[in-house]
Each structure stands twice: as structure tokens, then as C-alpha cells.
Amino acid sequence: MSDSGSHGEEGYAGPVVVVAGEVTVRGEAHLSGHVEPVDGRFHWGGRLTPDPALAGLVRAGTRSVRVSVGDRPPCEARLGDVDPWGGVRLRGTGRPPW
């Protein structure tokens, strides 16, 4: 399986799969990242486009998820708040999903 998003060393925009327990949601994401000089680790995050299933996970208290892009292995991530437009913030540390 290949992804059709655009990606580079510092960012990605395109389709993602978010898994929380038994719930799998396919969506779109705009992600970027950087090496944090304080801890020397790669921090990444961004926004998942509006999706009622993702917003429902956040409202139910779900924070820990696994995110994957294309055929790459999934990464651990954390869901943030739902923004005013229905998008969900996402963040992770370490290897990014792209």
C-alpha cells in the first residue's frame, strides 16, 4: 500500500490511519516536526482534518492512538483538543509516521 500524500524530512500532508483500541479511522492530516534542542528528540504534530469519529474519540477521553501513513509501521501519538472547525490536534515524539 502506498500513500498519495506529500511528505518530506520535516512534514507530511495526506491520508493517515488512526487506531484507538478497536476503532480505526481513516482521515487526512497536516503534520510537521522538528528536533527539539533541549532534549535532542524529534517532536512532530499537527492537525487531523474534521471527522466526527475522531472528535468522538477525543470527547470520550481517548488520547493514546497509533498513526500510520501508507505501508509504514504505526507510531504512538496523542490526540489533543477538537478545534472550532472539528479538526483534532495530534502530537508525537520520536519517529514520525511519514
PDB file of N, CA and C in Angstrom:
ATOM      1  N   MET A   1       0.843  -1.173   0.000  1.00  0.00           N
ATOM      2  CA  MET A   1       0.000   0.000   0.000  1.00  0.00           C
ATOM      3  C   MET A   1       0.885   1.232   0.000  1.00  0.00           C
ATOM      4  N   SER A   2       0.613   2.175  -0.837  1.00  0.00           N
ATOM      5  CA  SER A   2       1.394   3.408  -0.849  1.00  0.00           C
ATOM      6  C   SER A   2       0.476   4.561  -0.512  1.00  0.00           C
ATOM      7  N   ASP A   3       1.063   5.632  -0.005  1.00  0.00           N
ATOM      8  CA  ASP A   3       0.254   6.804   0.314  1.00  0.00           C
ATOM      9  C   ASP A   3       0.321   7.774  -0.849  1.00  0.00           C
ATOM     10  N   SER A   4      -0.672   8.642  -0.939  1.00  0.00           N
ATOM     11  CA  SER A   4      -0.665   9.620  -2.021  1.00  0.00           C
ATOM     12  C   SER A   4      -0.460  11.029  -1.487  1.00  0.00           C
ATOM     13  N   GLY A   5       0.019  11.146  -0.266  1.00  0.00           N
ATOM     14  CA  GLY A   5       0.270  12.453   0.322  1.00  0.00           C
ATOM     15  C   GLY A   5       1.628  12.978  -0.064  1.00  0.00           C
ATOM     16  N   SER A   6       1.869  14.226   0.302  1.00  0.00           N
ATOM     17  CA  SER A   6       3.190  14.797   0.067  1.00  0.00           C
ATOM     18  C   SER A   6       3.953  14.764   1.377  1.00  0.00           C
ATOM     19  N   HIS A   7       5.213  14.363   1.293  1.00  0.00           N
ATOM     20  CA  HIS A   7       5.990  14.276   2.519  1.00  0.00           C
ATOM     21  C   HIS A   7       7.438  14.606   2.244  1.00  0.00           C
ATOM     22  N   GLY A   8       8.083  15.029   3.296  1.00  0.00           N
ATOM     23  CA  GLY A   8       9.490  15.379   3.230  1.00  0.00           C
ATOM     24  C   GLY A   8      10.089  15.138   4.595  1.00  0.00           C
ATOM     25  N   GLU A   9      11.296  15.581   4.758  1.00  0.00           N
ATOM     26  CA  GLU A   9      12.004  15.367   6.002  1.00  0.00           C
ATOM     27  C   GLU A   9      11.290  16.025   7.182  1.00  0.00           C
ATOM     28  N   GLU A  10      10.678  17.180   6.953  1.00  0.00           N
ATOM     29  CA  GLU A  10      10.091  17.918   8.059  1.00  0.00           C
ATOM     30  C   GLU A  10       8.574  17.946   8.074  1.00  0.00           C
ATOM     31  N   GLY A  11       7.891  17.337   7.105  1.00  0.00           N
ATOM     32  CA  GLY A  11       6.440  17.413   7.139  1.00  0.00           C
ATOM     33  C   GLY A  11       5.742  16.440   6.221  1.00  0.00           C
ATOM     34  N   TYR A  12       4.409  16.388   6.380  1.00  0.00           N
ATOM     35  CA  TYR A  12       3.577  15.486   5.608  1.00  0.00           C
ATOM     36  C   TYR A  12       2.169  16.058   5.532  1.00  0.00           C
ATOM     37  N   ALA A  13       1.541  15.916   4.388  1.00  0.00           N
ATOM     38  CA  ALA A  13       0.133  16.256   4.212  1.00  0.00           C
ATOM     39  C   ALA A  13      -0.490  15.166   3.365  1.00  0.00           C
ATOM     40  N   GLY A  14      -1.510  14.500   3.903  1.00  0.00           N
ATOM     41  CA  GLY A  14      -2.161  13.441   3.157  1.00  0.00           C
ATOM     42  C   GLY A  14      -2.900  12.478   4.044  1.00  0.00           C
ATOM     43  N   PRO A  15      -3.222  11.305   3.501  1.00  0.00           N
ATOM     44  CA  PRO A  15      -4.028  10.331   4.241  1.00  0.00           C
ATOM     45  C   PRO A  15      -3.260   9.666   5.382  1.00  0.00           C
ATOM     46  N   VAL A  16      -3.982   9.397   6.459  1.00  0.00           N
ATOM     47  CA  VAL A  16      -3.444   8.689   7.618  1.00  0.00           C
ATOM     48  C   VAL A  16      -4.497   7.704   8.120  1.00  0.00           C
ATOM     49  N   VAL A  17      -4.027   6.740   8.900  1.00  0.00           N
ATOM     50  CA  VAL A  17      -4.921   5.826   9.600  1.00  0.00           C
ATOM     51  C   VAL A  17      -4.644   5.999  11.084  1.00  0.00           C
ATOM     52  N   VAL A  18      -5.704   6.271  11.853  1.00  0.00           N
ATOM     53  CA  VAL A  18      -5.603   6.457  13.293  1.00  0.00           C
ATOM     54  C   VAL A  18      -6.317   5.289  13.960  1.00  0.00           C
ATOM     55  N   VAL A  19      -5.617   4.595  14.869  1.00  0.00           N
ATOM     56  CA  VAL A  19      -6.189   3.445  15.562  1.00  0.00           C
ATOM     57  C   VAL A  19      -6.178   3.712  17.056  1.00  0.00           C
ATOM     58  N   ALA A  20      -7.347   3.550  17.672  1.00  0.00           N
ATOM     59  CA  ALA A  20      -7.510   3.684  19.123  1.00  0.00           C
ATOM     60  C   ALA A  20      -8.267   2.452  19.600  1.00  0.00           C
ATOM     61  N   GLY A  21      -7.549   1.495  20.169  1.00  0.00           N
ATOM     62  CA  GLY A  21      -8.198   0.253  20.593  1.00  0.00           C
ATOM     63  C   GLY A  21      -8.780  -0.481  19.401  1.00  0.00           C
ATOM     64  N   GLU A  22     -10.082  -0.685  19.427  1.00  0.00           N
ATOM     65  CA  GLU A  22     -10.779  -1.394  18.345  1.00  0.00           C
ATOM     66  C   GLU A  22     -11.287  -0.449  17.252  1.00  0.00           C
ATOM     67  N   VAL A  23     -11.088   0.841  17.423  1.00  0.00           N
ATOM     68  CA  VAL A  23     -11.603   1.840  16.483  1.00  0.00           C
ATOM     69  C   VAL A  23     -10.507   2.252  15.502  1.00  0.00           C
ATOM     70  N   THR A  24     -10.811   2.161  14.211  1.00  0.00           N
ATOM     71  CA  THR A  24      -9.890   2.593  13.158  1.00  0.00           C
ATOM     72  C   THR A  24     -10.568   3.683  12.344  1.00  0.00           C
ATOM     73  N   VAL A  25      -9.880   4.821  12.200  1.00  0.00           N
ATOM     74  CA  VAL A  25     -10.423   5.945  11.440  1.00  0.00           C
ATOM     75  C   VAL A  25      -9.416   6.318  10.361  1.00  0.00           C
ATOM     76  N   ARG A  26      -9.880   6.410   9.132  1.00  0.00           N
ATOM     77  CA  ARG A  26      -9.048   6.880   8.025  1.00  0.00           C
ATOM     78  C   ARG A  26      -9.365   8.352   7.824  1.00  0.00           C
ATOM     79  N   GLY A  27      -8.319   9.164   7.733  1.00  0.00           N
ATOM     80  CA  GLY A  27      -8.537  10.595   7.591  1.00  0.00           C
ATOM     81  C   GLY A  27      -7.386  11.258   6.874  1.00  0.00           C
ATOM     82  N   GLU A  28      -7.363  12.562   6.951  1.00  0.00           N
ATOM     83  CA  GLU A  28      -6.316  13.379   6.343  1.00  0.00           C
ATOM     84  C   GLU A  28      -5.602  14.143   7.446  1.00  0.00           C
ATOM     85  N   ALA A  29      -4.314  14.367   7.261  1.00  0.00           N
ATOM     86  CA  ALA A  29      -3.537  15.088   8.264  1.00  0.00           C
ATOM     87  C   ALA A  29      -2.578  16.073   7.611  1.00  0.00           C
ATOM     88  N   HIS A  30      -2.245  17.098   8.364  1.00  0.00           N
ATOM     89  CA  HIS A  30      -1.204  18.069   8.020  1.00  0.00           C
ATOM     90  C   HIS A  30      -0.250  18.050   9.202  1.00  0.00           C
ATOM     91  N   LEU A  31       0.935  17.476   9.007  1.00  0.00           N
ATOM     92  CA  LEU A  31       1.877  17.265  10.101  1.00  0.00           C
ATOM     93  C   LEU A  31       3.233  17.877   9.778  1.00  0.00           C
ATOM     94  N   SER A  32       3.922  18.282  10.806  1.00  0.00           N
ATOM     95  CA  SER A  32       5.289  18.759  10.650  1.00  0.00           C
ATOM     96  C   SER A  32       6.056  18.410  11.907  1.00  0.00           C
ATOM     97  N   GLY A  33       7.378  18.570  11.861  1.00  0.00           N
ATOM     98  CA  GLY A  33       8.165  18.233  13.031  1.00  0.00           C
ATOM     99  C   GLY A  33       9.509  18.926  13.037  1.00  0.00           C
ATOM    100  N   HIS A  34      10.183  18.789  14.159  1.00  0.00           N
ATOM    101  CA  HIS A  34      11.499  19.396  14.323  1.00  0.00           C
ATOM    102  C   HIS A  34      12.241  18.689  15.449  1.00  0.00           C
ATOM    103  N   VAL A  35      13.557  18.794  15.437  1.00  0.00           N
ATOM    104  CA  VAL A  35      14.363  18.289  16.542  1.00  0.00           C
ATOM    105  C   VAL A  35      14.361  19.359  17.620  1.00  0.00           C
ATOM    106  N   GLU A  36      13.962  18.980  18.816  1.00  0.00           N
ATOM    107  CA  GLU A  36      13.938  19.902  19.950  1.00  0.00           C
ATOM    108  C   GLU A  36      15.335  19.948  20.557  1.00  0.00           C
ATOM    109  N   PRO A  37      15.978  21.123  20.551  1.00  0.00           N
ATOM    110  CA  PRO A  37      17.351  21.204  21.049  1.00  0.00           C
ATOM    111  C   PRO A  37      17.491  20.858  22.541  1.00  0.00           C
ATOM    112  N   VAL A  38      16.452  21.070  23.318  1.00  0.00           N
ATOM    113  CA  VAL A  38      16.531  20.814  24.753  1.00  0.00           C
ATOM    114  C   VAL A  38      16.689  19.325  25.047  1.00  0.00           C
ATOM    115  N   ASP A  39      15.916  18.481  24.373  1.00  0.00           N
ATOM    116  CA  ASP A  39      16.002  17.038  24.654  1.00  0.00           C
ATOM    117  C   ASP A  39      16.624  16.235  23.515  1.00  0.00           C
ATOM    118  N   GLY A  40      16.894  16.863  22.366  1.00  0.00           N
ATOM    119  CA  GLY A  40      17.530  16.181  21.246  1.00  0.00           C
ATOM    120  C   GLY A  40      16.636  15.192  20.524  1.00  0.00           C
ATOM    121  N   ARG A  41      15.340  15.220  20.806  1.00  0.00           N
ATOM    122  CA  ARG A  41      14.405  14.276  20.180  1.00  0.00           C
ATOM    123  C   ARG A  41      13.576  14.975  19.112  1.00  0.00           C
ATOM    124  N   PHE A  42      13.062  14.161  18.171  1.00  0.00           N
ATOM    125  CA  PHE A  42      12.206  14.687  17.116  1.00  0.00           C
ATOM    126  C   PHE A  42      10.783  14.771  17.653  1.00  0.00           C
ATOM    127  N   HIS A  43      10.202  15.974  17.613  1.00  0.00           N
ATOM    128  CA  HIS A  43       8.822  16.200  18.037  1.00  0.00           C
ATOM    129  C   HIS A  43       8.011  16.525  16.789  1.00  0.00           C
ATOM    130  N   TRP A  44       6.882  15.854  16.626  1.00  0.00           N
ATOM    131  CA  TRP A  44       6.058  16.084  15.455  1.00  0.00           C
ATOM    132  C   TRP A  44       4.598  16.230  15.880  1.00  0.00           C
ATOM    133  N   GLY A  45       3.828  16.845  15.022  1.00  0.00           N
ATOM    134  CA  GLY A  45       2.410  17.002  15.316  1.00  0.00           C
ATOM    135  C   GLY A  45       1.740  17.832  14.254  1.00  0.00           C
ATOM    136  N   GLY A  46       0.475  18.074  14.474  1.00  0.00           N
ATOM    137  CA  GLY A  46      -0.295  18.859  13.526  1.00  0.00           C
ATOM    138  C   GLY A  46      -1.768  18.678  13.749  1.00  0.00           C
ATOM    139  N   ARG A  47      -2.492  18.640  12.650  1.00  0.00           N
ATOM    140  CA  ARG A  47      -3.944  18.638  12.717  1.00  0.00           C
ATOM    141  C   ARG A  47      -4.508  17.554  11.812  1.00  0.00           C
ATOM    142  N   LEU A  48      -5.473  16.839  12.364  1.00  0.00           N
ATOM    143  CA  LEU A  48      -6.266  15.895  11.587  1.00  0.00           C
ATOM    144  C   LEU A  48      -7.494  16.647  11.104  1.00  0.00           C
ATOM    145  N   THR A  49      -7.828  16.528   9.836  1.00  0.00           N
ATOM    146  CA  THR A  49      -8.974  17.265   9.309  1.00  0.00           C
ATOM    147  C   THR A  49     -10.255  16.806  10.005  1.00  0.00           C
ATOM    148  N   PRO A  50     -11.288  17.662  10.000  1.00  0.00           N
ATOM    149  CA  PRO A  50     -12.520  17.346  10.723  1.00  0.00           C
ATOM    150  C   PRO A  50     -13.092  15.980  10.360  1.00  0.00           C
ATOM    151  N   ASP A  51     -13.426  15.225  11.405  1.00  0.00           N
ATOM    152  CA  ASP A  51     -14.025  13.905  11.243  1.00  0.00           C
ATOM    153  C   ASP A  51     -14.821  13.615  12.512  1.00  0.00           C
ATOM    154  N   PRO A  52     -16.115  13.332  12.396  1.00  0.00           N
ATOM    155  CA  PRO A  52     -16.935  13.086  13.585  1.00  0.00           C
ATOM    156  C   PRO A  52     -16.429  11.921  14.450  1.00  0.00           C
ATOM    157  N   ALA A  53     -15.865  10.898  13.828  1.00  0.00           N
ATOM    158  CA  ALA A  53     -15.361   9.754  14.596  1.00  0.00           C
ATOM    159  C   ALA A  53     -14.153  10.152  15.445  1.00  0.00           C
ATOM    160  N   LEU A  54     -13.247  10.951  14.880  1.00  0.00           N
ATOM    161  CA  LEU A  54     -12.082  11.412  15.645  1.00  0.00           C
ATOM    162  C   LEU A  54     -12.505  12.341  16.775  1.00  0.00           C
ATOM    163  N   ALA A  55     -13.404  13.275  16.479  1.00  0.00           N
ATOM    164  CA  ALA A  55     -13.898  14.176  17.521  1.00  0.00           C
ATOM    165  C   ALA A  55     -14.586  13.377  18.626  1.00  0.00           C
ATOM    166  N   GLY A  56     -15.313  12.324  18.253  1.00  0.00           N
ATOM    167  CA  GLY A  56     -15.967  11.469  19.245  1.00  0.00           C
ATOM    168  C   GLY A  56     -14.972  10.762  20.146  1.00  0.00           C
ATOM    169  N   LEU A  57     -13.849  10.320  19.580  1.00  0.00           N
ATOM    170  CA  LEU A  57     -12.809   9.681  20.400  1.00  0.00           C
ATOM    171  C   LEU A  57     -12.287  10.655  21.453  1.00  0.00           C
ATOM    172  N   VAL A  58     -12.011  11.897  21.031  1.00  0.00           N
ATOM    173  CA  VAL A  58     -11.495  12.904  21.965  1.00  0.00           C
ATOM    174  C   VAL A  58     -12.525  13.196  23.047  1.00  0.00           C
ATOM    175  N   ARG A  59     -13.761  13.383  22.652  1.00  0.00           N
ATOM    176  CA  ARG A  59     -14.812  13.712  23.621  1.00  0.00           C
ATOM    177  C   ARG A  59     -15.068  12.564  24.589  1.00  0.00           C
ATOM    178  N   ALA A  60     -14.749  11.328  24.166  1.00  0.00           N
ATOM    179  CA  ALA A  60     -14.897  10.164  25.048  1.00  0.00           C
ATOM    180  C   ALA A  60     -13.675   9.987  25.955  1.00  0.00           C
ATOM    181  N   GLY A  61     -12.662  10.847  25.791  1.00  0.00           N
ATOM    182  CA  GLY A  61     -11.487  10.795  26.655  1.00  0.00           C
ATOM    183  C   GLY A  61     -10.297  10.043  26.093  1.00  0.00           C
ATOM    184  N   THR A  62     -10.386   9.582  24.862  1.00  0.00           N
ATOM    185  CA  THR A  62      -9.270   8.860  24.245  1.00  0.00           C
ATOM    186  C   THR A  62      -8.144   9.830  23.916  1.00  0.00           C
ATOM    187  N   ARG A  63      -6.945   9.486  24.306  1.00  0.00           N
ATOM    188  CA  ARG A  63      -5.786  10.314  23.986  1.00  0.00           C
ATOM    189  C   ARG A  63      -4.703   9.507  23.273  1.00  0.00           C
ATOM    190  N   SER A  64      -4.435   8.290  23.707  1.00  0.00           N
ATOM    191  CA  SER A  64      -3.376   7.467  23.104  1.00  0.00           C
ATOM    192  C   SER A  64      -3.892   6.769  21.855  1.00  0.00           C
ATOM    193  N   VAL A  65      -3.169   6.966  20.753  1.00  0.00           N
ATOM    194  CA  VAL A  65      -3.529   6.345  19.475  1.00  0.00           C
ATOM    195  C   VAL A  65      -2.264   5.882  18.771  1.00  0.00           C
ATOM    196  N   ARG A  66      -2.460   5.130  17.695  1.00  0.00           N
ATOM    197  CA  ARG A  66      -1.375   4.759  16.798  1.00  0.00           C
ATOM    198  C   ARG A  66      -1.737   5.335  15.440  1.00  0.00           C
ATOM    199  N   VAL A  67      -0.740   5.939  14.777  1.00  0.00           N
ATOM    200  CA  VAL A  67      -0.962   6.613  13.499  1.00  0.00           C
ATOM    201  C   VAL A  67      -0.041   5.994  12.460  1.00  0.00           C
ATOM    202  N   SER A  68      -0.590   5.719  11.275  1.00  0.00           N
ATOM    203  CA  SER A  68       0.262   5.202  10.210  1.00  0.00           C
ATOM    204  C   SER A  68      -0.041   5.925   8.903  1.00  0.00           C
ATOM    205  N   VAL A  69       0.982   5.936   8.049  1.00  0.00           N
ATOM    206  CA  VAL A  69       0.910   6.534   6.721  1.00  0.00           C
ATOM    207  C   VAL A  69       1.345   5.465   5.735  1.00  0.00           C
ATOM    208  N   GLY A  70       0.468   5.159   4.784  1.00  0.00           N
ATOM    209  CA  GLY A  70       0.815   4.169   3.772  1.00  0.00           C
ATOM    210  C   GLY A  70       1.186   2.841   4.390  1.00  0.00           C
ATOM    211  N   ASP A  71       2.288   2.253   3.924  1.00  0.00           N
ATOM    212  CA  ASP A  71       2.698   0.942   4.431  1.00  0.00           C
ATOM    213  C   ASP A  71       3.773   1.044   5.513  1.00  0.00           C
ATOM    214  N   ARG A  72       4.016   2.257   6.014  1.00  0.00           N
ATOM    215  CA  ARG A  72       4.987   2.431   7.098  1.00  0.00           C
ATOM    216  C   ARG A  72       4.394   1.912   8.410  1.00  0.00           C
ATOM    217  N   PRO A  73       5.251   1.480   9.338  1.00  0.00           N
ATOM    218  CA  PRO A  73       4.732   0.989  10.619  1.00  0.00           C
ATOM    219  C   PRO A  73       4.083   2.118  11.424  1.00  0.00           C
ATOM    220  N   PRO A  74       3.090   1.782  12.237  1.00  0.00           N
ATOM    221  CA  PRO A  74       2.413   2.812  13.031  1.00  0.00           C
ATOM    222  C   PRO A  74       3.313   3.410  14.108  1.00  0.00           C
ATOM    223  N   CYS A  75       2.991   4.645  14.495  1.00  0.00           N
ATOM    224  CA  CYS A  75       3.703   5.378  15.545  1.00  0.00           C
ATOM    225  C   CYS A  75       2.734   5.694  16.678  1.00  0.00           C
ATOM    226  N   GLU A  76       3.256   5.724  17.879  1.00  0.00           N
ATOM    227  CA  GLU A  76       2.469   6.156  19.029  1.00  0.00           C
ATOM    228  C   GLU A  76       2.268   7.662  18.938  1.00  0.00           C
ATOM    229  N   ALA A  77       1.069   8.117  19.278  1.00  0.00           N
ATOM    230  CA  ALA A  77       0.766   9.550  19.245  1.00  0.00           C
ATOM    231  C   ALA A  77      -0.303   9.852  20.288  1.00  0.00           C
ATOM    232  N   ARG A  78      -0.539  11.137  20.484  1.00  0.00           N
ATOM    233  CA  ARG A  78      -1.551  11.601  21.435  1.00  0.00           C
ATOM    234  C   ARG A  78      -2.501  12.554  20.728  1.00  0.00           C
ATOM    235  N   LEU A  79      -3.786  12.336  20.954  1.00  0.00           N
ATOM    236  CA  LEU A  79      -4.784  13.265  20.446  1.00  0.00           C
ATOM    237  C   LEU A  79      -4.885  14.446  21.390  1.00  0.00           C
ATOM    238  N   GLY A  80      -5.091  15.634  20.821  1.00  0.00           N
ATOM    239  CA  GLY A  80      -5.299  16.847  21.613  1.00  0.00           C
ATOM    240  C   GLY A  80      -6.760  17.231  21.569  1.00  0.00           C
ATOM    241  N   ASP A  81      -7.008  18.504  21.668  1.00  0.00           N
ATOM    242  CA  ASP A  81      -8.376  19.009  21.682  1.00  0.00           C
ATOM    243  C   ASP A  81      -8.963  19.071  20.279  1.00  0.00           C
ATOM    244  N   VAL A  82     -10.291  19.154  20.245  1.00  0.00           N
ATOM    245  CA  VAL A  82     -11.009  19.395  18.996  1.00  0.00           C
ATOM    246  C   VAL A  82     -11.024  20.907  18.779  1.00  0.00           C
ATOM    247  N   ASP A  83     -10.588  21.350  17.590  1.00  0.00           N
ATOM    248  CA  ASP A  83     -10.577  22.791  17.332  1.00  0.00           C
ATOM    249  C   ASP A  83     -11.983  23.263  16.930  1.00  0.00           C
ATOM    250  N   PRO A  84     -12.191  24.568  16.806  1.00  0.00           N
ATOM    251  CA  PRO A  84     -13.530  25.095  16.497  1.00  0.00           C
ATOM    252  C   PRO A  84     -14.125  24.597  15.180  1.00  0.00           C
ATOM    253  N   TRP A  85     -13.292  24.101  14.271  1.00  0.00           N
ATOM    254  CA  TRP A  85     -13.771  23.616  12.978  1.00  0.00           C
ATOM    255  C   TRP A  85     -13.974  22.109  12.956  1.00  0.00           C
ATOM    256  N   GLY A  86     -13.709  21.436  14.079  1.00  0.00           N
ATOM    257  CA  GLY A  86     -13.905  19.993  14.160  1.00  0.00           C
ATOM    258  C   GLY A  86     -12.653  19.179  13.921  1.00  0.00           C
ATOM    259  N   GLY A  87     -11.532  19.831  13.618  1.00  0.00           N
ATOM    260  CA  GLY A  87     -10.263  19.118  13.464  1.00  0.00           C
ATOM    261  C   GLY A  87      -9.713  18.722  14.827  1.00  0.00           C
ATOM    262  N   VAL A  88      -8.810  17.770  14.835  1.00  0.00           N
ATOM    263  CA  VAL A  88      -8.229  17.282  16.088  1.00  0.00           C
ATOM    264  C   VAL A  88      -6.717  17.444  16.033  1.00  0.00           C
ATOM    265  N   ARG A  89      -6.158  17.995  17.089  1.00  0.00           N
ATOM    266  CA  ARG A  89      -4.703  18.130  17.194  1.00  0.00           C
ATOM    267  C   ARG A  89      -4.095  16.763  17.481  1.00  0.00           C
ATOM    268  N   LEU A  90      -2.884  16.549  16.975  1.00  0.00           N
ATOM    269  CA  LEU A  90      -2.175  15.290  17.133  1.00  0.00           C
ATOM    270  C   LEU A  90      -0.714  15.607  17.386  1.00  0.00           C
ATOM    271  N   ARG A  91      -0.066  14.853  18.284  1.00  0.00           N
ATOM    272  CA  ARG A  91       1.358  15.087  18.523  1.00  0.00           C
ATOM    273  C   ARG A  91       2.041  13.777  18.894  1.00  0.00           C
ATOM    274  N   GLY A  92       3.337  13.738  18.601  1.00  0.00           N
ATOM    275  CA  GLY A  92       4.136  12.570  18.935  1.00  0.00           C
ATOM    276  C   GLY A  92       5.592  12.956  19.083  1.00  0.00           C
ATOM    277  N   THR A  93       6.353  12.033  19.640  1.00  0.00           N
ATOM    278  CA  THR A  93       7.790  12.240  19.822  1.00  0.00           C
ATOM    279  C   THR A  93       8.500  11.003  19.297  1.00  0.00           C
ATOM    280  N   GLY A  94       9.604  11.207  18.599  1.00  0.00           N
ATOM    281  CA  GLY A  94      10.345  10.091  18.028  1.00  0.00           C
ATOM    282  C   GLY A  94      10.068   9.969  16.546  1.00  0.00           C
ATOM    283  N   ARG A  95      10.173   8.761  16.037  1.00  0.00           N
ATOM    284  CA  ARG A  95       9.976   8.534  14.602  1.00  0.00           C
ATOM    285  C   ARG A  95       8.567   8.971  14.199  1.00  0.00           C
ATOM    286  N   PRO A  96       8.465   9.825  13.172  1.00  0.00           N
ATOM    287  CA  PRO A  96       7.139  10.253  12.706  1.00  0.00           C
ATOM    288  C   PRO A  96       6.532   9.199  11.793  1.00  0.00           C
ATOM    289  N   PRO A  97       5.237   9.293  11.547  1.00  0.00           N
ATOM    290  CA  PRO A  97       4.574   8.289  10.701  1.00  0.00           C
ATOM    291  C   PRO A  97       4.889   8.408   9.205  1.00  0.00           C
ATOM    292  N   TRP A  98       5.494   9.507   8.764  1.00  0.00           N
ATOM    293  CA  TRP A  98       5.740   9.664   7.318  1.00  0.00           C
ATOM    294  C   TRP A  98       7.111   9.235   6.898  1.00  0.00           C
TER     295      TRP A  98
END
